[in-house]
Amino acid sequence: MLLQTVVSGLSAGAVIGLVALGFTLVAGTVRVLHLAHGDIVVASVFTGVLLVLGRTPVATSLGAAEAVGFALLVLAAGAVLSGAAGWFAVRPYLPDVTAGREGDVLGWVAGLVAAGLLLREVLGLLLPQEAYAVPDPFRLDRLLSDSGVVGLPGGGTLPGRVPAVLVLGVVVGVLAERVLVRSRLGKGLRAVADDPDAAALCGVPARRVVIVAFVLAGLLAGVAGLLVAPGRALGVDDGVILGLEGAAAAFVGGLGSVRGALVAGLGVGLLQAFAAQAQPAYGDLAPLLLLVLVLAVRPQGLRQA
């Protein structure tokens, strides 16, 4: 039972870590908390569902071409929706020295909250059921075992997709961290985060880099959606809780710390799993309490970014 709880918690935490990585990527570059990020995770998945399966989706196995198309649509939807949120809801309220304009925090907060609400309302109109079964384009339940069940030492078992999600989530997170740390793009993002005016003088298009940060966060949202959605009944409002869990991990790891977000995501997943063992309702409550505590006691995070 203990090993099952640990593996399940780490698997959920790997997804939370990807969501947290999107938060910390935007916050570290733009000093903006991407309040619509959780809604974009869910909206990207449902965009793929609507385009591939229509408004009355059913649990079904996708053919090879449909599976590839579904996955690409989810990733594209995440990138486009997040980029649009950055362009329309955040960009107008960022400081601009050349135009003599100061930043407006209230403006981007209201804009991102409105963007999240808009996504939920539109999806609610198109998909009125409380929750939907989302197909798994990667068939992760069969990746490690033909039976869909993986045995654990001591006689326990787990659904096959649980360890597969853990492995894929960690691999994607580590790859993203390496790209952000070592690539030219990552250096541009850090330059804009450190001093956008100096970066602009050095030829780094600061405002374009800002949108790139939102697009990359959207791609991570799409990956997180592809990993988490097929393992549960997904509702249009689930992005709120998922976003808060990701925000909790981002704050615990230190906003702007990519590695901290990934590690904290795993920790939040473990906390959630053990809390759910005591009482199922505590599973969603524990990360929210953690977020409140961190914001109240140490808003810079347990690890200084």
C-alpha atoms as a PDB file:
ATOM      1  CA  MET A   1       0.000   0.000   0.000  1.00  0.00           C
ATOM      2  CA  LEU A   2       2.808   2.434   0.851  1.00  0.00           C
ATOM      3  CA  LEU A   3       4.627   1.825  -2.434  1.00  0.00           C
ATOM      4  CA  GLN A   4       1.383   2.217  -4.383  1.00  0.00           C
ATOM      5  CA  THR A   5       0.726   5.538  -2.698  1.00  0.00           C
ATOM      6  CA  VAL A   6       4.266   6.765  -3.340  1.00  0.00           C
ATOM      7  CA  VAL A   7       4.299   5.826  -7.039  1.00  0.00           C
ATOM      8  CA  SER A   8       0.795   7.216  -7.591  1.00  0.00           C
ATOM      9  CA  GLY A   9       1.740  10.429  -5.816  1.00  0.00           C
ATOM     10  CA  LEU A  10       4.931  10.844  -7.819  1.00  0.00           C
ATOM     11  CA  SER A  11       3.008  10.202 -11.035  1.00  0.00           C
ATOM     12  CA  ALA A  12       0.481  12.926 -10.210  1.00  0.00           C
ATOM     13  CA  GLY A  13       3.360  15.106  -9.056  1.00  0.00           C
ATOM     14  CA  ALA A  14       5.149  14.778 -12.400  1.00  0.00           C
ATOM     15  CA  VAL A  15       2.096  16.334 -14.092  1.00  0.00           C
ATOM     16  CA  ILE A  16       1.833  19.017 -11.409  1.00  0.00           C
ATOM     17  CA  GLY A  17       5.519  19.726 -11.954  1.00  0.00           C
ATOM     18  CA  LEU A  18       4.912  20.372 -15.667  1.00  0.00           C
ATOM     19  CA  VAL A  19       2.087  22.757 -14.788  1.00  0.00           C
ATOM     20  CA  ALA A  20       4.334  24.445 -12.210  1.00  0.00           C
ATOM     21  CA  LEU A  21       7.068  24.740 -14.828  1.00  0.00           C
ATOM     22  CA  GLY A  22       4.693  26.767 -17.004  1.00  0.00           C
ATOM     23  CA  PHE A  23       3.938  29.072 -14.082  1.00  0.00           C
ATOM     24  CA  THR A  24       7.597  29.591 -13.191  1.00  0.00           C
ATOM     25  CA  LEU A  25       8.645  30.052 -16.830  1.00  0.00           C
ATOM     26  CA  VAL A  26       6.233  32.967 -17.294  1.00  0.00           C
ATOM     27  CA  ALA A  27       6.771  34.401 -13.814  1.00  0.00           C
ATOM     28  CA  GLY A  28      10.540  34.197 -14.111  1.00  0.00           C
ATOM     29  CA  THR A  29      10.542  35.954 -17.487  1.00  0.00           C
ATOM     30  CA  VAL A  30       7.705  38.473 -17.253  1.00  0.00           C
ATOM     31  CA  ARG A  31       7.096  38.770 -13.481  1.00  0.00           C
ATOM     32  CA  VAL A  32       3.498  37.748 -14.183  1.00  0.00           C
ATOM     33  CA  LEU A  33       1.556  34.898 -12.567  1.00  0.00           C
ATOM     34  CA  HIS A  34      -0.171  33.022 -15.390  1.00  0.00           C
ATOM     35  CA  LEU A  35      -3.589  32.813 -13.736  1.00  0.00           C
ATOM     36  CA  ALA A  36      -5.219  31.172 -16.763  1.00  0.00           C
ATOM     37  CA  HIS A  37      -2.620  28.402 -17.002  1.00  0.00           C
ATOM     38  CA  GLY A  38      -4.684  25.624 -15.399  1.00  0.00           C
ATOM     39  CA  ASP A  39      -7.674  26.446 -17.602  1.00  0.00           C
ATOM     40  CA  ILE A  40      -5.412  26.278 -20.662  1.00  0.00           C
ATOM     41  CA  VAL A  41      -4.330  22.740 -19.697  1.00  0.00           C
ATOM     42  CA  VAL A  42      -7.961  21.593 -19.798  1.00  0.00           C
ATOM     43  CA  ALA A  43      -8.941  23.778 -22.760  1.00  0.00           C
ATOM     44  CA  SER A  44      -6.100  22.396 -24.891  1.00  0.00           C
ATOM     45  CA  VAL A  45      -7.322  18.837 -24.291  1.00  0.00           C
ATOM     46  CA  PHE A  46     -10.950  19.651 -25.013  1.00  0.00           C
ATOM     47  CA  THR A  47      -9.963  21.530 -28.180  1.00  0.00           C
ATOM     48  CA  GLY A  48      -8.403  18.321 -29.456  1.00  0.00           C
ATOM     49  CA  VAL A  49     -11.478  16.359 -28.368  1.00  0.00           C
ATOM     50  CA  LEU A  50     -13.839  18.730 -30.176  1.00  0.00           C
ATOM     51  CA  LEU A  51     -11.831  18.697 -33.397  1.00  0.00           C
ATOM     52  CA  VAL A  52     -11.265  14.934 -33.489  1.00  0.00           C
ATOM     53  CA  LEU A  53     -14.334  13.439 -31.792  1.00  0.00           C
ATOM     54  CA  GLY A  54     -16.909  16.244 -31.879  1.00  0.00           C
ATOM     55  CA  ARG A  55     -19.259  17.518 -29.169  1.00  0.00           C
ATOM     56  CA  THR A  56     -20.379  14.079 -27.981  1.00  0.00           C
ATOM     57  CA  PRO A  57     -17.077  12.335 -27.250  1.00  0.00           C
ATOM     58  CA  VAL A  58     -17.044   8.761 -26.025  1.00  0.00           C
ATOM     59  CA  ALA A  59     -14.245   6.639 -24.633  1.00  0.00           C
ATOM     60  CA  THR A  60     -12.727   5.088 -27.727  1.00  0.00           C
ATOM     61  CA  SER A  61      -9.419   3.887 -29.095  1.00  0.00           C
ATOM     62  CA  LEU A  62      -7.927   6.213 -31.662  1.00  0.00           C
ATOM     63  CA  GLY A  63      -6.315   4.984 -34.827  1.00  0.00           C
ATOM     64  CA  ALA A  64      -2.679   5.833 -35.447  1.00  0.00           C
ATOM     65  CA  ALA A  65      -3.429   8.874 -37.618  1.00  0.00           C
ATOM     66  CA  GLU A  66      -6.146  10.102 -35.245  1.00  0.00           C
ATOM     67  CA  ALA A  67      -3.870   9.657 -32.228  1.00  0.00           C
ATOM     68  CA  VAL A  68      -1.056  11.678 -33.805  1.00  0.00           C
ATOM     69  CA  GLY A  69      -3.504  14.339 -34.947  1.00  0.00           C
ATOM     70  CA  PHE A  70      -5.126  14.521 -31.507  1.00  0.00           C
ATOM     71  CA  ALA A  71      -1.771  14.918 -29.722  1.00  0.00           C
ATOM     72  CA  LEU A  72      -0.565  17.592 -32.151  1.00  0.00           C
ATOM     73  CA  LEU A  73      -3.864  19.477 -31.876  1.00  0.00           C
ATOM     74  CA  VAL A  74      -3.657  19.485 -28.084  1.00  0.00           C
ATOM     75  CA  LEU A  75      -0.094  20.825 -28.136  1.00  0.00           C
ATOM     76  CA  ALA A  76      -0.967  23.439 -30.766  1.00  0.00           C
ATOM     77  CA  ALA A  77      -4.080  24.505 -28.862  1.00  0.00           C
ATOM     78  CA  GLY A  78      -2.075  24.941 -25.667  1.00  0.00           C
ATOM     79  CA  ALA A  79       0.535  27.071 -27.430  1.00  0.00           C
ATOM     80  CA  VAL A  80      -2.029  29.211 -29.271  1.00  0.00           C
ATOM     81  CA  LEU A  81      -4.326  29.762 -26.278  1.00  0.00           C
ATOM     82  CA  SER A  82      -1.456  30.630 -23.942  1.00  0.00           C
ATOM     83  CA  GLY A  83       0.184  32.872 -26.526  1.00  0.00           C
ATOM     84  CA  ALA A  84      -3.140  34.644 -27.105  1.00  0.00           C
ATOM     85  CA  ALA A  85      -3.555  35.150 -23.354  1.00  0.00           C
ATOM     86  CA  GLY A  86      -0.099  36.689 -23.196  1.00  0.00           C
ATOM     87  CA  TRP A  87      -0.687  38.919 -26.215  1.00  0.00           C
ATOM     88  CA  PHE A  88      -4.160  40.212 -25.418  1.00  0.00           C
ATOM     89  CA  ALA A  89      -4.417  39.968 -21.621  1.00  0.00           C
ATOM     90  CA  VAL A  90      -0.855  40.693 -20.460  1.00  0.00           C
ATOM     91  CA  ARG A  91       1.158  42.550 -23.110  1.00  0.00           C
ATOM     92  CA  PRO A  92      -0.876  45.796 -22.975  1.00  0.00           C
ATOM     93  CA  TYR A  93      -0.227  46.075 -19.228  1.00  0.00           C
ATOM     94  CA  LEU A  94       3.519  45.438 -19.177  1.00  0.00           C
ATOM     95  CA  PRO A  95       5.909  48.352 -18.607  1.00  0.00           C
ATOM     96  CA  ASP A  96       7.296  49.919 -21.786  1.00  0.00           C
ATOM     97  CA  VAL A  97      10.135  52.401 -21.327  1.00  0.00           C
ATOM     98  CA  THR A  98      10.150  53.478 -24.988  1.00  0.00           C
ATOM     99  CA  ALA A  99       6.472  54.421 -24.798  1.00  0.00           C
ATOM    100  CA  GLY A 100       6.829  55.924 -21.328  1.00  0.00           C
ATOM    101  CA  ARG A 101       4.285  53.490 -19.895  1.00  0.00           C
ATOM    102  CA  GLU A 102       4.432  51.943 -16.462  1.00  0.00           C
ATOM    103  CA  GLY A 103       3.200  48.442 -15.755  1.00  0.00           C
ATOM    104  CA  ASP A 104      -0.313  47.821 -14.500  1.00  0.00           C
ATOM    105  CA  VAL A 105      -0.492  44.763 -12.231  1.00  0.00           C
ATOM    106  CA  LEU A 106      -4.252  45.000 -11.797  1.00  0.00           C
ATOM    107  CA  GLY A 107      -4.650  45.047 -15.574  1.00  0.00           C
ATOM    108  CA  TRP A 108      -2.897  41.734 -16.257  1.00  0.00           C
ATOM    109  CA  VAL A 109      -4.449  40.087 -13.200  1.00  0.00           C
ATOM    110  CA  ALA A 110      -7.938  41.010 -14.423  1.00  0.00           C
ATOM    111  CA  GLY A 111      -7.049  40.063 -17.996  1.00  0.00           C
ATOM    112  CA  LEU A 112      -5.797  36.566 -17.119  1.00  0.00           C
ATOM    113  CA  VAL A 113      -8.690  35.872 -14.746  1.00  0.00           C
ATOM    114  CA  ALA A 114     -11.084  36.931 -17.522  1.00  0.00           C
ATOM    115  CA  ALA A 115      -9.242  34.710 -20.027  1.00  0.00           C
ATOM    116  CA  GLY A 116      -9.648  31.681 -17.763  1.00  0.00           C
ATOM    117  CA  LEU A 117     -13.333  32.413 -17.193  1.00  0.00           C
ATOM    118  CA  LEU A 118     -13.877  32.860 -20.925  1.00  0.00           C
ATOM    119  CA  LEU A 119     -12.317  29.482 -21.701  1.00  0.00           C
ATOM    120  CA  ARG A 120     -14.488  27.758 -19.089  1.00  0.00           C
ATOM    121  CA  GLU A 121     -17.681  29.415 -20.300  1.00  0.00           C
ATOM    122  CA  VAL A 122     -17.056  28.600 -23.964  1.00  0.00           C
ATOM    123  CA  LEU A 123     -16.187  24.970 -23.155  1.00  0.00           C
ATOM    124  CA  GLY A 124     -19.223  24.734 -20.883  1.00  0.00           C
ATOM    125  CA  LEU A 125     -21.465  25.755 -23.770  1.00  0.00           C
ATOM    126  CA  LEU A 126     -19.876  23.288 -26.184  1.00  0.00           C
ATOM    127  CA  LEU A 127     -19.498  20.419 -23.691  1.00  0.00           C
ATOM    128  CA  PRO A 128     -22.368  20.659 -21.182  1.00  0.00           C
ATOM    129  CA  GLN A 129     -21.801  17.326 -19.402  1.00  0.00           C
ATOM    130  CA  GLU A 130     -20.187  17.344 -15.984  1.00  0.00           C
ATOM    131  CA  ALA A 131     -17.192  15.266 -17.116  1.00  0.00           C
ATOM    132  CA  TYR A 132     -15.927  13.375 -20.143  1.00  0.00           C
ATOM    133  CA  ALA A 133     -13.738  10.357 -20.824  1.00  0.00           C
ATOM    134  CA  VAL A 134     -10.764  11.450 -22.907  1.00  0.00           C
ATOM    135  CA  PRO A 135      -8.997   8.949 -25.189  1.00  0.00           C
ATOM    136  CA  ASP A 136      -5.334   8.204 -24.627  1.00  0.00           C
ATOM    137  CA  PRO A 137      -3.429   8.807 -27.880  1.00  0.00           C
ATOM    138  CA  PHE A 138      -0.307   7.106 -26.496  1.00  0.00           C
ATOM    139  CA  ARG A 139      -2.123   4.095 -24.963  1.00  0.00           C
ATOM    140  CA  LEU A 140       0.022   4.417 -21.869  1.00  0.00           C
ATOM    141  CA  ASP A 141      -1.981   1.783 -20.009  1.00  0.00           C
ATOM    142  CA  ARG A 142      -0.527  -0.811 -22.426  1.00  0.00           C
ATOM    143  CA  LEU A 143       2.954   0.663 -22.656  1.00  0.00           C
ATOM    144  CA  LEU A 144       4.455  -1.349 -19.785  1.00  0.00           C
ATOM    145  CA  SER A 145       2.069  -4.296 -19.677  1.00  0.00           C
ATOM    146  CA  ASP A 146      -0.354  -5.959 -22.076  1.00  0.00           C
ATOM    147  CA  SER A 147      -2.826  -6.443 -19.228  1.00  0.00           C
ATOM    148  CA  GLY A 148      -2.872  -2.745 -18.357  1.00  0.00           C
ATOM    149  CA  VAL A 149      -1.731  -3.537 -14.805  1.00  0.00           C
ATOM    150  CA  VAL A 150       1.806  -3.375 -13.402  1.00  0.00           C
ATOM    151  CA  GLY A 151       2.859  -5.499 -10.450  1.00  0.00           C
ATOM    152  CA  LEU A 152       4.797  -4.003  -7.548  1.00  0.00           C
ATOM    153  CA  PRO A 153       7.145  -5.637  -5.025  1.00  0.00           C
ATOM    154  CA  GLY A 154       5.128  -6.995  -2.139  1.00  0.00           C
ATOM    155  CA  GLY A 155       2.156  -8.042  -4.245  1.00  0.00           C
ATOM    156  CA  GLY A 156       0.610  -4.641  -4.986  1.00  0.00           C
ATOM    157  CA  THR A 157      -0.548  -3.514  -8.418  1.00  0.00           C
ATOM    158  CA  LEU A 158      -1.002  -0.233 -10.246  1.00  0.00           C
ATOM    159  CA  PRO A 159      -2.700   0.794 -13.498  1.00  0.00           C
ATOM    160  CA  GLY A 160      -0.074   0.630 -16.217  1.00  0.00           C
ATOM    161  CA  ARG A 161      -0.394   4.299 -17.122  1.00  0.00           C
ATOM    162  CA  VAL A 162       0.626   5.478 -13.616  1.00  0.00           C
ATOM    163  CA  PRO A 163       4.370   4.638 -13.839  1.00  0.00           C
ATOM    164  CA  ALA A 164       4.342   5.546 -17.549  1.00  0.00           C
ATOM    165  CA  VAL A 165       3.036   9.047 -16.746  1.00  0.00           C
ATOM    166  CA  LEU A 166       5.675   9.375 -14.037  1.00  0.00           C
ATOM    167  CA  VAL A 167       8.522   8.482 -16.390  1.00  0.00           C
ATOM    168  CA  LEU A 168       7.273  10.628 -19.283  1.00  0.00           C
ATOM    169  CA  GLY A 169       6.488  13.589 -17.045  1.00  0.00           C
ATOM    170  CA  VAL A 170       9.943  13.566 -15.462  1.00  0.00           C
ATOM    171  CA  VAL A 171      11.682  13.121 -18.838  1.00  0.00           C
ATOM    172  CA  VAL A 172       9.768  16.018 -20.423  1.00  0.00           C
ATOM    173  CA  GLY A 173      10.395  18.185 -17.370  1.00  0.00           C
ATOM    174  CA  VAL A 174      14.141  17.493 -17.345  1.00  0.00           C
ATOM    175  CA  LEU A 175      14.408  18.100 -21.103  1.00  0.00           C
ATOM    176  CA  ALA A 176      12.549  21.390 -20.742  1.00  0.00           C
ATOM    177  CA  GLU A 177      14.841  22.389 -17.889  1.00  0.00           C
ATOM    178  CA  ARG A 178      17.925  21.617 -19.956  1.00  0.00           C
ATOM    179  CA  VAL A 179      16.605  23.615 -22.931  1.00  0.00           C
ATOM    180  CA  LEU A 180      15.777  26.606 -20.739  1.00  0.00           C
ATOM    181  CA  VAL A 181      19.179  26.521 -19.061  1.00  0.00           C
ATOM    182  CA  ARG A 182      21.501  25.795 -21.996  1.00  0.00           C
ATOM    183  CA  SER A 183      19.839  26.962 -25.220  1.00  0.00           C
ATOM    184  CA  ARG A 184      20.040  30.384 -26.835  1.00  0.00           C
ATOM    185  CA  LEU A 185      16.311  30.743 -26.256  1.00  0.00           C
ATOM    186  CA  GLY A 186      16.747  30.081 -22.558  1.00  0.00           C
ATOM    187  CA  LYS A 187      19.521  32.661 -22.350  1.00  0.00           C
ATOM    188  CA  GLY A 188      17.254  35.189 -24.059  1.00  0.00           C
ATOM    189  CA  LEU A 189      14.482  34.476 -21.569  1.00  0.00           C
ATOM    190  CA  ARG A 190      16.864  34.940 -18.646  1.00  0.00           C
ATOM    191  CA  ALA A 191      18.246  38.155 -20.135  1.00  0.00           C
ATOM    192  CA  VAL A 192      14.759  39.635 -20.403  1.00  0.00           C
ATOM    193  CA  ALA A 193      13.966  38.463 -16.873  1.00  0.00           C
ATOM    194  CA  ASP A 194      17.108  40.114 -15.458  1.00  0.00           C
ATOM    195  CA  ASP A 195      16.825  43.454 -17.288  1.00  0.00           C
ATOM    196  CA  PRO A 196      14.415  43.839 -20.241  1.00  0.00           C
ATOM    197  CA  ASP A 197      15.746  47.287 -21.178  1.00  0.00           C
ATOM    198  CA  ALA A 198      19.369  46.122 -21.266  1.00  0.00           C
ATOM    199  CA  ALA A 199      18.301  43.027 -23.203  1.00  0.00           C
ATOM    200  CA  ALA A 200      16.595  45.225 -25.787  1.00  0.00           C
ATOM    201  CA  LEU A 201      19.769  47.316 -26.158  1.00  0.00           C
ATOM    202  CA  CYS A 202      21.685  44.088 -26.811  1.00  0.00           C
ATOM    203  CA  GLY A 203      19.318  43.177 -29.627  1.00  0.00           C
ATOM    204  CA  VAL A 204      17.037  40.797 -27.715  1.00  0.00           C
ATOM    205  CA  PRO A 205      13.421  41.517 -28.765  1.00  0.00           C
ATOM    206  CA  ALA A 206      12.045  41.691 -25.237  1.00  0.00           C
ATOM    207  CA  ARG A 207       8.344  41.890 -26.050  1.00  0.00           C
ATOM    208  CA  ARG A 208       8.627  39.022 -28.516  1.00  0.00           C
ATOM    209  CA  VAL A 209      10.436  36.936 -25.918  1.00  0.00           C
ATOM    210  CA  VAL A 210       7.559  37.573 -23.522  1.00  0.00           C
ATOM    211  CA  ILE A 211       5.103  35.966 -25.949  1.00  0.00           C
ATOM    212  CA  VAL A 212       7.535  33.098 -26.532  1.00  0.00           C
ATOM    213  CA  ALA A 213       7.477  32.443 -22.777  1.00  0.00           C
ATOM    214  CA  PHE A 214       3.677  32.172 -22.863  1.00  0.00           C
ATOM    215  CA  VAL A 215       3.786  29.900 -25.931  1.00  0.00           C
ATOM    216  CA  LEU A 216       6.308  27.573 -24.272  1.00  0.00           C
ATOM    217  CA  ALA A 217       4.152  27.496 -21.144  1.00  0.00           C
ATOM    218  CA  GLY A 218       1.215  26.546 -23.391  1.00  0.00           C
ATOM    219  CA  LEU A 219       3.172  23.667 -24.913  1.00  0.00           C
ATOM    220  CA  LEU A 220       3.919  22.381 -21.405  1.00  0.00           C
ATOM    221  CA  ALA A 221       0.224  22.770 -20.594  1.00  0.00           C
ATOM    222  CA  GLY A 222      -0.609  20.625 -23.611  1.00  0.00           C
ATOM    223  CA  VAL A 223       1.844  17.919 -22.537  1.00  0.00           C
ATOM    224  CA  ALA A 224       0.420  17.968 -19.004  1.00  0.00           C
ATOM    225  CA  GLY A 225      -3.088  17.658 -20.429  1.00  0.00           C
ATOM    226  CA  LEU A 226      -2.152  14.688 -22.608  1.00  0.00           C
ATOM    227  CA  LEU A 227      -0.696  12.912 -19.583  1.00  0.00           C
ATOM    228  CA  VAL A 228      -3.391  13.641 -17.009  1.00  0.00           C
ATOM    229  CA  ALA A 229      -6.670  13.728 -18.961  1.00  0.00           C
ATOM    230  CA  PRO A 230      -6.977  10.078 -20.116  1.00  0.00           C
ATOM    231  CA  GLY A 231      -6.553   8.811 -16.555  1.00  0.00           C
ATOM    232  CA  ARG A 232      -9.642  10.538 -15.178  1.00  0.00           C
ATOM    233  CA  ALA A 233     -13.078  11.863 -16.007  1.00  0.00           C
ATOM    234  CA  LEU A 234     -12.254  15.408 -17.093  1.00  0.00           C
ATOM    235  CA  GLY A 235     -14.578  18.363 -16.564  1.00  0.00           C
ATOM    236  CA  VAL A 236     -14.287  21.879 -17.934  1.00  0.00           C
ATOM    237  CA  ASP A 237     -13.792  23.297 -14.415  1.00  0.00           C
ATOM    238  CA  ASP A 238     -10.938  20.934 -13.484  1.00  0.00           C
ATOM    239  CA  GLY A 239      -8.369  23.430 -14.694  1.00  0.00           C
ATOM    240  CA  VAL A 240      -8.981  25.591 -11.625  1.00  0.00           C
ATOM    241  CA  ILE A 241      -7.783  22.931  -9.167  1.00  0.00           C
ATOM    242  CA  LEU A 242      -4.981  21.801 -11.468  1.00  0.00           C
ATOM    243  CA  GLY A 243      -3.811  25.391 -11.815  1.00  0.00           C
ATOM    244  CA  LEU A 244      -3.837  25.947  -8.057  1.00  0.00           C
ATOM    245  CA  GLU A 245      -1.849  22.732  -7.538  1.00  0.00           C
ATOM    246  CA  GLY A 246       0.687  23.901 -10.108  1.00  0.00           C
ATOM    247  CA  ALA A 247       0.857  27.345  -8.504  1.00  0.00           C
ATOM    248  CA  ALA A 248       1.467  25.733  -5.107  1.00  0.00           C
ATOM    249  CA  ALA A 249       4.398  23.764  -6.523  1.00  0.00           C
ATOM    250  CA  ALA A 250       5.754  26.832  -8.327  1.00  0.00           C
ATOM    251  CA  PHE A 251       5.713  28.895  -5.126  1.00  0.00           C
ATOM    252  CA  VAL A 252       7.196  26.093  -3.030  1.00  0.00           C
ATOM    253  CA  GLY A 253      10.017  25.630  -5.522  1.00  0.00           C
ATOM    254  CA  GLY A 254      10.549  29.380  -5.862  1.00  0.00           C
ATOM    255  CA  LEU A 255       9.050  31.326  -8.768  1.00  0.00           C
ATOM    256  CA  GLY A 256      11.669  31.464 -11.490  1.00  0.00           C
ATOM    257  CA  SER A 257      13.405  28.247 -10.408  1.00  0.00           C
ATOM    258  CA  VAL A 258      12.798  25.648 -13.111  1.00  0.00           C
ATOM    259  CA  ARG A 259      14.342  22.769 -11.195  1.00  0.00           C
ATOM    260  CA  GLY A 260      12.582  23.876  -8.018  1.00  0.00           C
ATOM    261  CA  ALA A 261       9.213  23.735  -9.786  1.00  0.00           C
ATOM    262  CA  LEU A 262       9.804  20.174 -10.985  1.00  0.00           C
ATOM    263  CA  VAL A 263      10.978  18.889  -7.605  1.00  0.00           C
ATOM    264  CA  ALA A 264       8.211  20.715  -5.745  1.00  0.00           C
ATOM    265  CA  GLY A 265       5.653  19.256  -8.145  1.00  0.00           C
ATOM    266  CA  LEU A 266       6.716  15.751  -7.149  1.00  0.00           C
ATOM    267  CA  GLY A 267       6.491  16.773  -3.498  1.00  0.00           C
ATOM    268  CA  VAL A 268       3.004  18.224  -3.909  1.00  0.00           C
ATOM    269  CA  GLY A 269       1.901  15.020  -5.643  1.00  0.00           C
ATOM    270  CA  LEU A 270       3.154  12.954  -2.715  1.00  0.00           C
ATOM    271  CA  LEU A 271       1.419  15.243  -0.235  1.00  0.00           C
ATOM    272  CA  GLN A 272      -1.796  14.925  -2.213  1.00  0.00           C
ATOM    273  CA  ALA A 273      -1.574  11.136  -2.364  1.00  0.00           C
ATOM    274  CA  PHE A 274      -0.973  10.674   1.373  1.00  0.00           C
ATOM    275  CA  ALA A 275      -3.678  13.202   2.249  1.00  0.00           C
ATOM    276  CA  ALA A 276      -6.129  11.290   0.049  1.00  0.00           C
ATOM    277  CA  GLN A 277      -5.263   8.099   1.921  1.00  0.00           C
ATOM    278  CA  ALA A 278      -6.518   9.695   5.135  1.00  0.00           C
ATOM    279  CA  GLN A 279      -9.655  11.066   3.476  1.00  0.00           C
ATOM    280  CA  PRO A 280     -10.303  11.272  -0.307  1.00  0.00           C
ATOM    281  CA  ALA A 281     -11.564  14.857  -0.050  1.00  0.00           C
ATOM    282  CA  TYR A 282      -8.254  15.895   1.508  1.00  0.00           C
ATOM    283  CA  GLY A 283      -6.418  15.093  -1.723  1.00  0.00           C
ATOM    284  CA  ASP A 284      -7.493  18.317  -3.435  1.00  0.00           C
ATOM    285  CA  LEU A 285      -7.482  20.298  -0.196  1.00  0.00           C
ATOM    286  CA  ALA A 286      -3.871  19.619   0.850  1.00  0.00           C
ATOM    287  CA  PRO A 287      -2.142  21.456  -2.055  1.00  0.00           C
ATOM    288  CA  LEU A 288      -4.433  24.462  -1.561  1.00  0.00           C
ATOM    289  CA  LEU A 289      -3.581  24.630   2.135  1.00  0.00           C
ATOM    290  CA  LEU A 290       0.088  24.353   1.215  1.00  0.00           C
ATOM    291  CA  LEU A 291      -0.287  27.266  -1.231  1.00  0.00           C
ATOM    292  CA  VAL A 292      -1.917  29.435   1.432  1.00  0.00           C
ATOM    293  CA  LEU A 293       0.788  28.569   3.983  1.00  0.00           C
ATOM    294  CA  VAL A 294       3.640  29.292   1.586  1.00  0.00           C
ATOM    295  CA  LEU A 295       2.132  32.621   0.518  1.00  0.00           C
ATOM    296  CA  ALA A 296       1.616  33.593   4.164  1.00  0.00           C
ATOM    297  CA  VAL A 297       4.939  32.421   5.611  1.00  0.00           C
ATOM    298  CA  ARG A 298       7.507  32.307   2.813  1.00  0.00           C
ATOM    299  CA  PRO A 299       6.187  33.723  -0.502  1.00  0.00           C
ATOM    300  CA  GLN A 300       9.648  33.546  -2.088  1.00  0.00           C
ATOM    301  CA  GLY A 301       9.439  29.748  -1.810  1.00  0.00           C
ATOM    302  CA  LEU A 302      11.245  27.153   0.224  1.00  0.00           C
ATOM    303  CA  ARG A 303      14.066  27.452  -2.276  1.00  0.00           C
ATOM    304  CA  GLN A 304      15.116  30.976  -3.198  1.00  0.00           C
ATOM    305  CA  ALA A 305      14.896  31.380  -6.977  1.00  0.00           C
END
